[in-house]
């Protein structure tokens, strides 16, 4: 606990009256840090701090990387944290102790009381805040806007997978067409342009890079760091990510294996408005980004661009073979692979995939449809959220549904929002039969009320439901007629004396959560709930296994 005499050593507190400083001493937190410990984390709710001893290092996340800020350093007696509090934001930077530190911490309300009750303190705090905002302006002007540069047409099929990976993983990139924007081509780039011309952090690839090579160049983890884990999670969607967070936070050694992008289908959602705790809504991109940071902070590993190809029972668990031949052992396995978008069986859609025809609707697609004609196929919440999001960019948005409307398939709040948008039109009793265009989508042909209608179209977003992808799993794993994985009381082929845990599959020690599970509720919150529940059951399963060894 700080004494009033100690607080008077600070320039800020020394200008307070004796009763004010005594009151602060009674209520201020006395935070002591060892070297390497974090005082604050970027994105967390802010506090007001005064440094009394030690040295702190500022760290800022820039395009997915943590960068040390070395041009400014807090001195003993300096205060900080007023800017995010007074602007109503989260912490703008992280602070890590370089040496042993002692810091005063005040709550938001205590800072506001200080500003209201002391004219001198208010003047000092607001002037310091103003000076810092000017420094922020200088700092921001020096930041790069993207880590990846791709030179080539946005319709170049060779780059489609790469662009999709970058967008899905929330990695800023620039795609420059040399024919349309020759002035934006760096002079160091060779003249033979194409998708092979890719630069990451200014470094050129000498060949056409694979997605995994790009991931490694971006310093993403692409392979396990160990050969044995308590839990291996297949998939890093909402269910898998929740399991990773809860498992790692409770002391389990956790590996998540994700072949595409963390967040799954939820990560591509432009807006999730009915998720608990976010009254203004949150994009799938933001929700996933927060979850990834949380999982990694607790110690979970995420091996990107990898998939599990084989599961083999071994004593005490399972051996998992990843693509490329690497093997890891898991005491328990959680299947959270999610589902894949059901393909639209219309002529031309596969040929124009990624060149105007897309599955899902992520935020980076908005720039490409600015002022254009957008079509969305589907009548569920994902389609409704996409329609609302793109209506802020596109000249017109048409939602094509097979039925008479949205009432039976979409939440009422979305139906009301769509009805309020002048540039959104719901087209009932409609079905896309063909996508047309040369190197990109130009038109679609739809059957509307029994008649064929041709529309000029710049983008077609398809969201017509999903299918399970569990064909890689052992044949002994029980599935329903549609390929979804059965668990708990839905099992008909359970062979042990004990009852299966609620999320346990027909293979003991292999659990399942999220959309790929039979009879699951297809909602983000449900996936998160099942992922966290699965960890509780895995703990119980591992305890039984340990008891059986005794």
Protein backbone atom coordinates (compact mmCIF):
# COMPACT_ATOMS: atom_id res chain seq x y z
CA UNK A 1 0.00 0.00 0.00
CA UNK A 2 1.20 3.48 -0.88
CA UNK A 3 1.40 6.13 1.84
CA UNK A 4 0.41 9.75 1.31
CA UNK A 5 4.08 10.74 1.68
CA UNK A 6 5.10 8.35 -1.08
CA UNK A 7 2.40 9.66 -3.43
CA UNK A 8 3.64 13.21 -2.93
CA UNK A 9 6.85 12.23 -4.77
CA UNK A 10 4.85 12.26 -8.02
CA UNK A 11 4.46 15.61 -9.79
CA UNK A 12 0.79 14.90 -10.41
CA UNK A 13 -0.11 13.97 -6.86
CA UNK A 14 2.09 16.65 -5.26
CA UNK A 15 -0.29 19.38 -6.46
CA UNK A 16 -3.25 17.83 -4.61
CA UNK A 17 -4.49 18.97 -1.21
CA UNK A 18 -3.67 16.91 1.86
CA UNK A 19 -7.20 15.42 2.19
CA UNK A 20 -7.22 14.50 -1.52
CA UNK A 21 -3.87 12.74 -1.40
CA UNK A 22 -4.78 10.87 1.79
CA UNK A 23 -7.99 9.70 0.16
CA UNK A 24 -6.06 8.51 -2.90
CA UNK A 25 -3.57 6.62 -0.75
CA UNK A 26 -6.43 4.73 0.87
CA UNK A 27 -7.89 3.64 -2.47
CA UNK A 28 -5.00 3.31 -4.94
CA UNK A 29 -3.73 -0.14 -5.92
CA UNK A 30 -0.03 -0.87 -5.31
CA UNK A 31 1.05 -2.92 -8.36
CA UNK A 32 4.45 -4.61 -8.26
CA UNK A 33 5.89 -6.32 -11.33
CA UNK A 34 8.80 -8.65 -11.90
CA UNK A 35 10.86 -8.29 -15.10
CA UNK A 36 8.92 -9.64 -18.08
CA UNK A 37 5.46 -9.30 -16.49
CA UNK A 38 2.76 -7.34 -18.33
CA UNK A 39 1.20 -4.30 -16.70
CA UNK A 40 -1.41 -3.75 -19.39
CA UNK A 41 -2.37 -5.45 -22.63
CA UNK A 42 -3.53 -3.78 -25.80
CA UNK A 43 -7.28 -4.12 -26.21
CA UNK A 44 -8.05 -4.55 -22.49
CA UNK A 45 -10.13 -2.09 -20.42
CA UNK A 46 -7.84 0.76 -19.30
CA UNK A 47 -6.67 1.92 -15.87
CA UNK A 48 -4.82 5.10 -14.91
CA UNK A 49 -1.23 4.45 -13.78
CA UNK A 50 1.68 6.37 -12.29
CA UNK A 51 5.17 4.84 -12.50
CA UNK A 52 7.05 5.05 -9.17
CA UNK A 53 9.97 2.71 -9.78
CA UNK A 54 11.44 0.67 -12.62
CA UNK A 55 11.39 0.75 -16.40
CA UNK A 56 8.52 -0.20 -18.73
CA UNK A 57 8.62 -1.20 -22.41
CA UNK A 58 5.81 -0.10 -24.73
CA UNK A 59 4.65 -2.75 -27.21
CA UNK A 60 2.23 -2.14 -30.08
CA UNK A 61 0.60 -4.73 -32.31
CA UNK A 62 1.25 -3.73 -35.92
CA UNK A 63 -0.29 -5.86 -38.66
CA UNK A 64 -0.35 -8.94 -36.46
CA UNK A 65 3.16 -8.50 -35.03
CA UNK A 66 4.21 -7.17 -31.64
CA UNK A 67 6.59 -4.24 -32.16
CA UNK A 68 8.60 -2.56 -29.38
CA UNK A 69 8.19 1.22 -29.33
CA UNK A 70 11.66 2.54 -28.56
CA UNK A 71 11.42 6.26 -29.36
CA UNK A 72 9.60 7.10 -26.13
CA UNK A 73 10.09 5.86 -22.57
CA UNK A 74 8.14 6.50 -19.36
CA UNK A 75 10.20 8.08 -16.60
CA UNK A 76 9.72 7.67 -12.84
CA UNK A 77 6.74 9.84 -11.85
CA UNK A 78 5.12 9.76 -15.31
CA UNK A 79 1.44 8.91 -15.56
CA UNK A 80 -0.37 7.12 -18.38
CA UNK A 81 -3.70 5.57 -19.26
CA UNK A 82 -5.67 8.82 -19.35
CA UNK A 83 -6.06 8.79 -23.16
CA UNK A 84 -8.06 5.54 -23.60
CA UNK A 85 -10.13 6.32 -20.47
CA UNK A 86 -11.10 9.81 -21.61
CA UNK A 87 -11.65 8.73 -25.23
CA UNK A 88 -13.75 5.76 -24.12
CA UNK A 89 -11.56 3.15 -25.84
CA UNK A 90 -9.63 0.05 -24.81
CA UNK A 91 -5.87 0.16 -24.12
CA UNK A 92 -4.05 1.43 -27.20
CA UNK A 93 -0.70 -0.23 -26.37
CA UNK A 94 0.73 -2.94 -24.13
CA UNK A 95 3.26 -2.29 -21.35
CA UNK A 96 5.77 -4.89 -20.13
CA UNK A 97 8.15 -4.54 -17.18
CA UNK A 98 11.81 -4.49 -18.24
CA UNK A 99 12.96 -4.28 -14.62
CA UNK A 100 11.24 -4.68 -11.27
CA UNK A 101 8.52 -2.03 -11.20
CA UNK A 102 6.17 -0.41 -8.72
CA UNK A 103 3.11 1.37 -10.09
CA UNK A 104 0.08 3.21 -8.71
CA UNK A 105 -3.16 2.08 -10.34
CA UNK A 106 -6.42 4.05 -10.21
CA UNK A 107 -9.84 3.08 -11.52
CA UNK A 108 -11.56 5.01 -14.32
CA UNK A 109 -13.88 6.77 -11.86
CA UNK A 110 -10.97 7.80 -9.63
CA UNK A 111 -9.29 9.51 -12.60
CA UNK A 112 -12.52 11.31 -13.51
CA UNK A 113 -12.94 12.44 -9.90
CA UNK A 114 -9.35 13.71 -9.92
CA UNK A 115 -9.99 15.77 -13.05
CA UNK A 116 -13.26 17.16 -11.70
CA UNK A 117 -12.02 18.04 -8.20
CA UNK A 118 -8.56 19.47 -8.95
CA UNK A 119 -8.12 22.23 -11.53
CA UNK A 120 -4.33 21.90 -11.44
CA UNK A 121 -4.39 18.12 -11.89
CA UNK A 122 -6.96 18.45 -14.68
CA UNK A 123 -4.77 20.94 -16.59
CA UNK A 124 -1.69 18.71 -16.29
CA UNK A 125 -3.52 15.54 -17.34
CA UNK A 126 -5.30 17.12 -20.34
CA UNK A 127 -2.15 18.90 -21.58
CA UNK A 128 -0.19 15.63 -21.37
CA UNK A 129 -2.96 13.82 -23.22
CA UNK A 130 -2.89 16.45 -25.98
CA UNK A 131 0.89 16.11 -26.36
CA UNK A 132 0.58 12.33 -26.59
CA UNK A 133 -2.10 12.52 -29.27
CA UNK A 134 0.29 14.61 -31.38
CA UNK A 135 2.97 11.92 -30.96
CA UNK A 136 0.41 9.28 -31.94
CA UNK A 137 -0.21 11.18 -35.17
CA UNK A 138 3.51 11.11 -35.98
CA UNK A 139 3.73 7.40 -35.12
CA UNK A 140 0.72 6.41 -37.22
CA UNK A 141 2.06 8.24 -40.27
CA UNK A 142 5.10 5.93 -40.30
CA UNK A 143 3.17 2.64 -40.10
CA UNK A 144 2.87 0.36 -43.15
CA UNK A 145 -0.66 -0.39 -44.35
CA UNK A 146 -0.02 -4.02 -45.28
CA UNK A 147 2.58 -6.76 -44.89
CA UNK A 148 1.87 -8.57 -48.14
CA UNK A 149 2.01 -7.19 -51.69
CA UNK A 150 0.58 -9.25 -54.55
CA UNK A 151 1.11 -8.02 -58.08
CA UNK A 152 -1.41 -9.26 -60.58
CA UNK A 153 -5.06 -9.08 -61.52
CA UNK A 154 -7.54 -9.64 -58.71
CA UNK A 155 -9.10 -12.28 -60.97
CA UNK A 156 -5.84 -14.23 -61.32
CA UNK A 157 -6.81 -17.81 -60.39
CA UNK A 158 -3.27 -18.68 -59.31
CA UNK A 159 -3.58 -16.16 -56.48
CA UNK A 160 -7.10 -17.05 -55.39
CA UNK A 161 -6.08 -19.43 -52.62
CA UNK A 162 -3.44 -17.02 -51.35
CA UNK A 163 -5.82 -14.06 -51.26
CA UNK A 164 -8.45 -16.17 -49.54
CA UNK A 165 -5.96 -17.32 -46.89
CA UNK A 166 -4.78 -13.79 -46.16
CA UNK A 167 -8.31 -12.39 -45.93
CA UNK A 168 -9.58 -15.26 -43.78
CA UNK A 169 -6.66 -14.86 -41.36
CA UNK A 170 -7.11 -11.09 -41.11
CA UNK A 171 -3.69 -10.35 -42.61
CA UNK A 172 -3.68 -6.98 -44.42
CA UNK A 173 -2.50 -7.24 -48.01
CA UNK A 174 -2.44 -5.17 -51.16
CA UNK A 175 -3.29 -6.56 -54.56
CA UNK A 176 -1.97 -4.28 -57.31
CA UNK A 177 -2.83 -4.81 -60.97
CA UNK A 178 0.24 -3.60 -62.92
CA UNK A 179 -1.83 -2.98 -66.04
CA UNK A 180 -4.36 -0.77 -64.27
CA UNK A 181 -2.05 0.89 -61.71
CA UNK A 182 1.53 0.83 -63.08
CA UNK A 183 2.47 3.79 -60.88
CA UNK A 184 1.94 1.66 -57.73
CA UNK A 185 4.43 -1.03 -58.80
CA UNK A 186 7.64 -0.68 -56.76
CA UNK A 187 10.66 -0.03 -59.03
CA UNK A 188 12.49 -3.02 -57.52
CA UNK A 189 9.91 -5.49 -58.87
CA UNK A 190 11.06 -7.44 -61.97
CA UNK A 191 9.29 -6.84 -65.26
CA UNK A 192 7.85 -10.37 -65.63
CA UNK A 193 4.79 -9.80 -63.49
CA UNK A 194 2.32 -12.37 -62.27
CA UNK A 195 1.17 -14.07 -59.12
CA UNK A 196 4.73 -15.24 -58.49
CA UNK A 197 5.53 -11.64 -57.66
CA UNK A 198 4.69 -11.64 -53.98
CA UNK A 199 6.49 -9.59 -51.34
CA UNK A 200 6.17 -10.05 -47.58
CA UNK A 201 7.54 -7.32 -45.34
CA UNK A 202 9.39 -6.04 -48.39
CA UNK A 203 11.06 -9.38 -49.21
CA UNK A 204 10.32 -10.87 -52.64
CA UNK A 205 9.68 -14.55 -53.27
CA UNK A 206 11.68 -15.93 -56.19
CA UNK A 207 8.92 -18.39 -57.07
CA UNK A 208 5.18 -18.81 -56.72
CA UNK A 209 4.75 -19.31 -52.97
CA UNK A 210 2.44 -21.87 -51.44
CA UNK A 211 0.02 -20.84 -48.74
CA UNK A 212 2.19 -22.58 -46.15
CA UNK A 213 5.30 -20.74 -47.32
CA UNK A 214 3.45 -17.46 -47.00
CA UNK A 215 2.24 -18.43 -43.51
CA UNK A 216 5.79 -19.26 -42.44
CA UNK A 217 7.12 -16.01 -43.92
CA UNK A 218 4.50 -14.21 -41.83
CA UNK A 219 5.86 -16.08 -38.78
CA UNK A 220 2.65 -18.00 -38.19
CA UNK A 221 3.02 -21.36 -36.48
CA UNK A 222 2.60 -24.13 -39.08
CA UNK A 223 3.74 -27.23 -37.20
CA UNK A 224 3.49 -28.58 -33.65
CA UNK A 225 6.29 -27.73 -31.24
CA UNK A 226 5.98 -31.06 -29.44
CA UNK A 227 5.18 -34.67 -30.26
CA UNK A 228 2.74 -35.21 -27.37
CA UNK A 229 -0.27 -33.27 -26.05
CA UNK A 230 -3.05 -33.68 -23.52
CA UNK A 231 -5.62 -32.54 -26.08
CA UNK A 232 -5.40 -32.10 -29.82
CA UNK A 233 -8.26 -30.10 -31.33
CA UNK A 234 -9.11 -30.54 -34.99
CA UNK A 235 -10.38 -27.16 -36.15
CA UNK A 236 -10.11 -23.62 -34.79
CA UNK A 237 -13.64 -22.35 -35.27
CA UNK A 238 -15.74 -21.07 -32.34
CA UNK A 239 -15.97 -24.53 -30.72
CA UNK A 240 -12.31 -25.38 -31.21
CA UNK A 241 -11.11 -21.96 -30.13
CA UNK A 242 -13.25 -22.02 -26.97
CA UNK A 243 -11.87 -25.46 -26.12
CA UNK A 244 -8.34 -24.18 -26.70
CA UNK A 245 -8.87 -21.21 -24.38
CA UNK A 246 -10.50 -23.21 -21.58
CA UNK A 247 -8.15 -26.19 -21.93
CA UNK A 248 -4.96 -24.15 -21.88
CA UNK A 249 -6.21 -21.88 -19.09
CA UNK A 250 -6.86 -24.96 -16.95
CA UNK A 251 -3.38 -26.38 -17.39
CA UNK A 252 -3.83 -28.80 -20.29
CA UNK A 253 -1.23 -28.97 -23.03
CA UNK A 254 -3.30 -28.05 -26.08
CA UNK A 255 -2.68 -28.13 -29.82
CA UNK A 256 -5.20 -26.82 -32.35
CA UNK A 257 -4.79 -27.94 -35.95
CA UNK A 258 -6.38 -25.65 -38.55
CA UNK A 259 -6.05 -26.15 -42.30
CA UNK A 260 -7.52 -22.84 -43.36
CA UNK A 261 -8.23 -19.99 -40.98
CA UNK A 262 -9.12 -19.59 -37.33
CA UNK A 263 -12.76 -18.72 -36.87
CA UNK A 264 -14.26 -21.09 -39.42
CA UNK A 265 -17.43 -19.88 -41.11
CA UNK A 266 -18.11 -17.55 -38.19
CA UNK A 267 -14.84 -15.78 -38.95
CA UNK A 268 -16.17 -14.75 -42.37
CA UNK A 269 -19.36 -13.23 -40.98
CA UNK A 270 -19.52 -9.50 -41.65
CA UNK A 271 -21.64 -8.88 -38.55
CA UNK A 272 -22.83 -10.98 -35.61
CA UNK A 273 -25.47 -8.98 -33.79
CA UNK A 274 -27.00 -11.54 -31.43
CA UNK A 275 -23.86 -12.70 -29.62
CA UNK A 276 -24.06 -12.14 -25.88
CA UNK A 277 -22.07 -9.20 -24.59
CA UNK A 278 -21.81 -7.20 -27.83
CA UNK A 279 -24.90 -4.95 -27.98
CA UNK A 280 -23.60 -3.15 -31.07
CA UNK A 281 -22.65 -6.41 -32.77
CA UNK A 282 -19.21 -7.69 -33.68
CA UNK A 283 -17.73 -8.99 -36.91
CA UNK A 284 -16.59 -12.59 -37.12
CA UNK A 285 -13.15 -11.22 -37.93
CA UNK A 286 -12.92 -9.24 -34.69
CA UNK A 287 -14.37 -12.01 -32.53
CA UNK A 288 -11.94 -14.53 -33.98
CA UNK A 289 -8.97 -12.19 -33.62
CA UNK A 290 -9.70 -11.75 -29.93
CA UNK A 291 -10.13 -15.50 -29.44
CA UNK A 292 -6.80 -16.28 -31.11
CA UNK A 293 -4.95 -13.81 -28.86
CA UNK A 294 -6.68 -15.26 -25.81
CA UNK A 295 -5.81 -18.85 -26.68
CA UNK A 296 -2.16 -18.07 -27.42
CA UNK A 297 -1.86 -15.99 -24.24
CA UNK A 298 -2.90 -19.02 -22.18
CA UNK A 299 -0.34 -21.20 -23.96
CA UNK A 300 -2.37 -23.07 -26.59
CA UNK A 301 -0.61 -23.82 -29.89
CA UNK A 302 -2.29 -23.29 -33.26
CA UNK A 303 -0.71 -25.11 -36.21
CA UNK A 304 -2.00 -23.27 -39.30
CA UNK A 305 -2.27 -24.67 -42.85
CA UNK A 306 -2.27 -28.20 -41.42
CA UNK A 307 -4.86 -30.96 -41.39
CA UNK A 308 -5.13 -34.27 -39.60
CA UNK A 309 -5.23 -37.10 -42.12
CA UNK A 310 -5.25 -40.20 -39.93
CA UNK A 311 -6.28 -41.14 -36.39
CA UNK A 312 -4.85 -44.38 -34.96
CA UNK A 313 -5.59 -45.75 -31.44
CA UNK A 314 -2.52 -46.14 -29.21
CA UNK A 315 -2.11 -47.10 -25.58
CA UNK A 316 -3.26 -44.16 -23.48
CA UNK A 317 -4.65 -42.15 -26.40
CA UNK A 318 -4.39 -41.65 -30.14
CA UNK A 319 -1.66 -41.06 -32.69
CA UNK A 320 -2.55 -38.37 -35.20
CA UNK A 321 -0.86 -38.08 -38.56
CA UNK A 322 -0.77 -34.61 -40.08
CA UNK A 323 -0.40 -33.79 -43.75
CA UNK A 324 3.27 -34.02 -44.61
CA UNK A 325 3.73 -37.07 -42.37
CA UNK A 326 4.33 -35.43 -39.00
CA UNK A 327 2.83 -37.37 -36.10
CA UNK A 328 1.70 -36.29 -32.65
CA UNK A 329 0.25 -38.21 -29.72
CA UNK A 330 -2.89 -37.03 -27.92
CA UNK A 331 -4.35 -38.33 -24.68
CA UNK A 332 -7.71 -36.98 -25.89
CA UNK A 333 -8.99 -35.56 -29.17
CA UNK A 334 -11.68 -32.97 -29.85
CA UNK A 335 -13.27 -32.86 -33.30
CA UNK A 336 -14.38 -29.30 -34.03
CA UNK A 337 -13.88 -29.22 -37.79
CA UNK A 338 -17.13 -27.38 -38.41
CA UNK A 339 -18.83 -27.63 -41.77
CA UNK A 340 -18.25 -26.45 -45.32
CA UNK A 341 -20.54 -24.27 -47.39
CA UNK A 342 -22.83 -26.32 -49.59
CA UNK A 343 -21.84 -25.79 -53.21
CA UNK A 344 -24.22 -24.06 -55.58
CA UNK A 345 -24.89 -26.45 -58.45
CA UNK A 346 -25.28 -23.88 -61.17
CA UNK A 347 -23.42 -23.79 -64.45
CA UNK A 348 -20.33 -21.56 -64.42
CA UNK A 349 -20.06 -21.19 -60.63
CA UNK A 350 -17.01 -23.41 -60.20
CA UNK A 351 -15.24 -21.81 -63.16
CA UNK A 352 -15.80 -18.31 -61.73
CA UNK A 353 -15.08 -19.26 -58.12
CA UNK A 354 -13.02 -16.49 -56.54
CA UNK A 355 -13.61 -14.25 -59.54
CA UNK A 356 -16.98 -12.90 -58.55
CA UNK A 357 -18.53 -16.08 -57.14
CA UNK A 358 -17.73 -16.50 -53.46
CA UNK A 359 -18.86 -18.60 -50.50
CA UNK A 360 -19.41 -16.69 -47.29
CA UNK A 361 -19.01 -12.92 -47.01
CA UNK A 362 -15.99 -11.49 -45.21
CA UNK A 363 -15.41 -7.79 -44.61
CA UNK A 364 -12.44 -7.46 -47.03
CA UNK A 365 -14.84 -8.18 -49.91
CA UNK A 366 -16.62 -4.87 -49.30
CA UNK A 367 -14.08 -2.75 -51.16
CA UNK A 368 -14.48 -4.88 -54.27
CA UNK A 369 -18.25 -4.32 -54.45
CA UNK A 370 -18.28 -0.57 -53.84
CA UNK A 371 -20.94 0.94 -56.12
CA UNK A 372 -21.65 -2.40 -57.79
CA UNK A 373 -24.48 -4.93 -58.12
CA UNK A 374 -24.36 -7.69 -55.52
CA UNK A 375 -26.42 -10.88 -55.33
CA UNK A 376 -26.71 -13.06 -52.22
CA UNK A 377 -28.10 -16.57 -52.42
CA UNK A 378 -29.62 -17.83 -49.18
CA UNK A 379 -32.23 -16.93 -46.60
CA UNK A 380 -30.48 -17.60 -43.28
CA UNK A 381 -28.94 -15.21 -40.78
CA UNK A 382 -25.55 -15.30 -42.49
CA UNK A 383 -27.15 -14.13 -45.72
CA UNK A 384 -29.07 -11.42 -43.88
CA UNK A 385 -25.98 -10.12 -42.10
CA UNK A 386 -24.10 -10.05 -45.40
CA UNK A 387 -26.91 -8.17 -47.11
CA UNK A 388 -26.94 -5.51 -44.41
CA UNK A 389 -23.17 -5.13 -44.49
CA UNK A 390 -22.81 -4.91 -48.27
CA UNK A 391 -25.74 -2.49 -48.55
CA UNK A 392 -23.37 0.16 -47.17
CA UNK A 393 -21.08 -0.28 -50.16
CA UNK A 394 -22.99 -1.76 -53.11
CA UNK A 395 -25.34 0.19 -55.35
CA UNK A 396 -27.89 -2.58 -55.01
CA UNK A 397 -28.16 -5.88 -53.17
CA UNK A 398 -30.56 -8.63 -54.22
CA UNK A 399 -31.24 -11.55 -51.87
CA UNK A 400 -32.38 -14.62 -53.81
CA UNK A 401 -34.43 -17.13 -51.81
CA UNK A 402 -36.24 -20.27 -52.91
CA UNK A 403 -39.24 -19.75 -50.66
CA UNK A 404 -41.78 -16.96 -50.41
CA UNK A 405 -39.60 -14.85 -48.15
CA UNK A 406 -37.37 -14.77 -45.08
CA UNK A 407 -39.87 -15.33 -42.29
CA UNK A 408 -39.17 -19.04 -41.79
CA UNK A 409 -35.38 -18.93 -42.07
CA UNK A 410 -34.10 -15.61 -40.69
CA UNK A 411 -34.23 -13.89 -37.30
CA UNK A 412 -36.88 -11.20 -37.03
CA UNK A 413 -34.44 -8.43 -36.14
CA UNK A 414 -32.61 -9.00 -39.44
CA UNK A 415 -35.81 -9.11 -41.45
CA UNK A 416 -36.75 -5.72 -40.01
CA UNK A 417 -33.32 -4.23 -40.76
CA UNK A 418 -33.37 -5.52 -44.34
CA UNK A 419 -36.83 -4.03 -44.90
CA UNK A 420 -35.50 -0.62 -43.83
CA UNK A 421 -32.76 -0.58 -46.48
CA UNK A 422 -33.79 1.00 -49.78
CA UNK A 423 -31.06 -0.71 -51.81
CA UNK A 424 -31.83 -4.27 -50.64
CA UNK A 425 -34.43 -6.31 -52.53
CA UNK A 426 -35.58 -9.79 -51.53
CA UNK A 427 -36.43 -11.88 -54.60
CA UNK A 428 -38.69 -14.81 -53.60
CA UNK A 429 -39.16 -18.09 -55.47
CA UNK A 430 -35.78 -17.64 -57.18
CA UNK A 431 -32.91 -19.98 -58.02
CA UNK A 432 -29.59 -19.31 -59.75
CA UNK A 433 -29.10 -21.58 -62.75
CA UNK A 434 -25.99 -20.07 -64.37
CA UNK A 435 -23.11 -17.69 -63.72
CA UNK A 436 -21.72 -16.02 -66.85
CA UNK A 437 -18.57 -14.08 -67.66
CA UNK A 438 -15.17 -14.43 -69.29
CA UNK A 439 -12.40 -13.91 -66.73
CA UNK A 440 -14.82 -12.76 -63.98
CA UNK A 441 -18.52 -12.74 -63.15
CA UNK A 442 -20.58 -10.43 -65.33
CA UNK A 443 -24.11 -11.87 -65.30
CA UNK A 444 -26.25 -14.45 -63.56
CA UNK A 445 -29.27 -16.28 -64.90
CA UNK A 446 -31.95 -17.06 -62.35
CA UNK A 447 -35.27 -18.83 -62.46
CA UNK A 448 -37.72 -16.44 -60.83
CA UNK A 449 -41.29 -17.62 -60.42
CA UNK A 450 -40.77 -20.16 -63.16
CA UNK A 451 -39.26 -17.70 -65.68
CA UNK A 452 -35.59 -17.25 -66.60
CA UNK A 453 -34.26 -13.78 -65.83
CA UNK A 454 -30.77 -12.47 -66.65
CA UNK A 455 -29.21 -9.95 -64.27
CA UNK A 456 -26.06 -7.89 -64.62
CA UNK A 457 -23.95 -8.96 -61.62
CA UNK A 458 -20.58 -8.00 -60.18
CA UNK A 459 -20.55 -10.40 -57.23
CA UNK A 460 -22.47 -13.49 -56.16
CA UNK A 461 -22.18 -14.54 -52.50
CA UNK A 462 -23.47 -18.04 -51.80
CA UNK A 463 -24.78 -19.02 -48.34
CA UNK A 464 -27.12 -21.96 -48.85
CA UNK A 465 -26.36 -24.14 -45.87
CA UNK A 466 -23.53 -26.46 -45.02
CA UNK A 467 -22.29 -30.04 -45.22
CA UNK A 468 -20.18 -32.04 -42.78
CA UNK A 469 -16.59 -32.86 -43.66
CA UNK A 470 -15.72 -35.97 -41.67
CA UNK A 471 -14.67 -38.41 -44.38
CA UNK A 472 -11.06 -38.46 -43.11
CA UNK A 473 -12.04 -39.97 -39.76
CA UNK A 474 -11.93 -43.71 -38.94
CA UNK A 475 -14.85 -45.75 -40.27
CA UNK A 476 -15.53 -46.94 -36.71
CA UNK A 477 -16.57 -43.43 -35.73
CA UNK A 478 -20.36 -43.35 -35.75
CA UNK A 479 -22.05 -40.77 -38.00
CA UNK A 480 -25.62 -40.05 -38.98
CA UNK A 481 -26.99 -40.43 -42.51
CA UNK A 482 -25.71 -36.96 -43.48
CA UNK A 483 -22.19 -37.52 -42.18
CA UNK A 484 -22.51 -35.58 -38.92
CA UNK A 485 -20.77 -37.14 -35.90
CA UNK A 486 -22.90 -38.80 -33.22
CA UNK A 487 -22.11 -38.28 -29.54
CA UNK A 488 -23.40 -39.16 -26.08
CA UNK A 489 -26.92 -40.54 -25.89
CA UNK A 490 -27.26 -40.53 -29.70
CA UNK A 491 -24.67 -43.32 -29.97
CA UNK A 492 -25.86 -46.80 -30.92
CA UNK A 493 -22.49 -48.55 -31.03
CA UNK A 494 -20.97 -47.78 -27.59
CA UNK A 495 -19.00 -50.75 -26.27
CA UNK A 496 -17.60 -49.79 -22.84
CA UNK A 497 -19.20 -50.58 -19.47
CA UNK A 498 -19.37 -46.90 -18.49
CA UNK A 499 -21.79 -44.51 -20.18
CA UNK A 500 -20.28 -42.15 -22.78
CA UNK A 501 -19.76 -38.54 -21.78
CA UNK A 502 -22.32 -36.19 -23.40
CA UNK A 503 -19.94 -34.98 -26.15
CA UNK A 504 -17.96 -38.21 -26.49
CA UNK A 505 -18.01 -40.10 -29.79
CA UNK A 506 -18.17 -43.86 -30.34
CA UNK A 507 -14.36 -43.90 -29.98
CA UNK A 508 -13.58 -43.38 -26.26
CA UNK A 509 -11.46 -40.31 -25.66
CA UNK A 510 -12.49 -38.64 -28.92
CA UNK A 511 -15.01 -35.86 -28.36
CA UNK A 512 -16.94 -33.67 -30.76
CA UNK A 513 -18.27 -30.10 -30.53
CA UNK A 514 -19.77 -27.49 -32.80
CA UNK A 515 -21.47 -27.64 -36.17
CA UNK A 516 -20.04 -31.02 -37.22
CA UNK A 517 -21.80 -32.71 -34.30
CA UNK A 518 -25.13 -34.46 -34.91
CA UNK A 519 -28.10 -32.34 -33.84
CA UNK A 520 -25.96 -29.36 -32.81
CA UNK A 521 -27.48 -25.89 -32.81
CA UNK A 522 -25.82 -23.93 -35.61
CA UNK A 523 -24.99 -20.75 -33.69
CA UNK A 524 -21.68 -19.19 -32.71
CA UNK A 525 -22.66 -19.08 -29.04
CA UNK A 526 -23.63 -22.76 -29.12
CA UNK A 527 -20.27 -23.71 -30.61
CA UNK A 528 -18.45 -21.72 -27.93
CA UNK A 529 -20.55 -23.39 -25.24
CA UNK A 530 -19.95 -26.89 -26.57
CA UNK A 531 -16.21 -26.27 -26.89
CA UNK A 532 -15.94 -25.20 -23.25
CA UNK A 533 -18.17 -28.08 -22.11
CA UNK A 534 -16.01 -30.55 -24.01
CA UNK A 535 -12.98 -29.54 -21.96
CA UNK A 536 -14.90 -30.27 -18.74
CA UNK A 537 -15.74 -33.75 -20.02
CA UNK A 538 -12.17 -34.30 -21.23
CA UNK A 539 -10.92 -33.50 -17.72
CA UNK A 540 -13.27 -36.16 -16.35
CA UNK A 541 -12.19 -38.64 -19.01
CA UNK A 542 -8.48 -38.08 -18.29
CA UNK A 543 -9.13 -38.47 -14.57
CA UNK A 544 -10.79 -41.84 -15.22
CA UNK A 545 -7.84 -42.93 -17.33
CA UNK A 546 -5.39 -41.95 -14.59
CA UNK A 547 -7.46 -43.80 -11.98
CA UNK A 548 -7.53 -46.92 -14.15
CA UNK A 549 -3.71 -46.98 -14.19
CA UNK A 550 -3.47 -47.10 -10.40
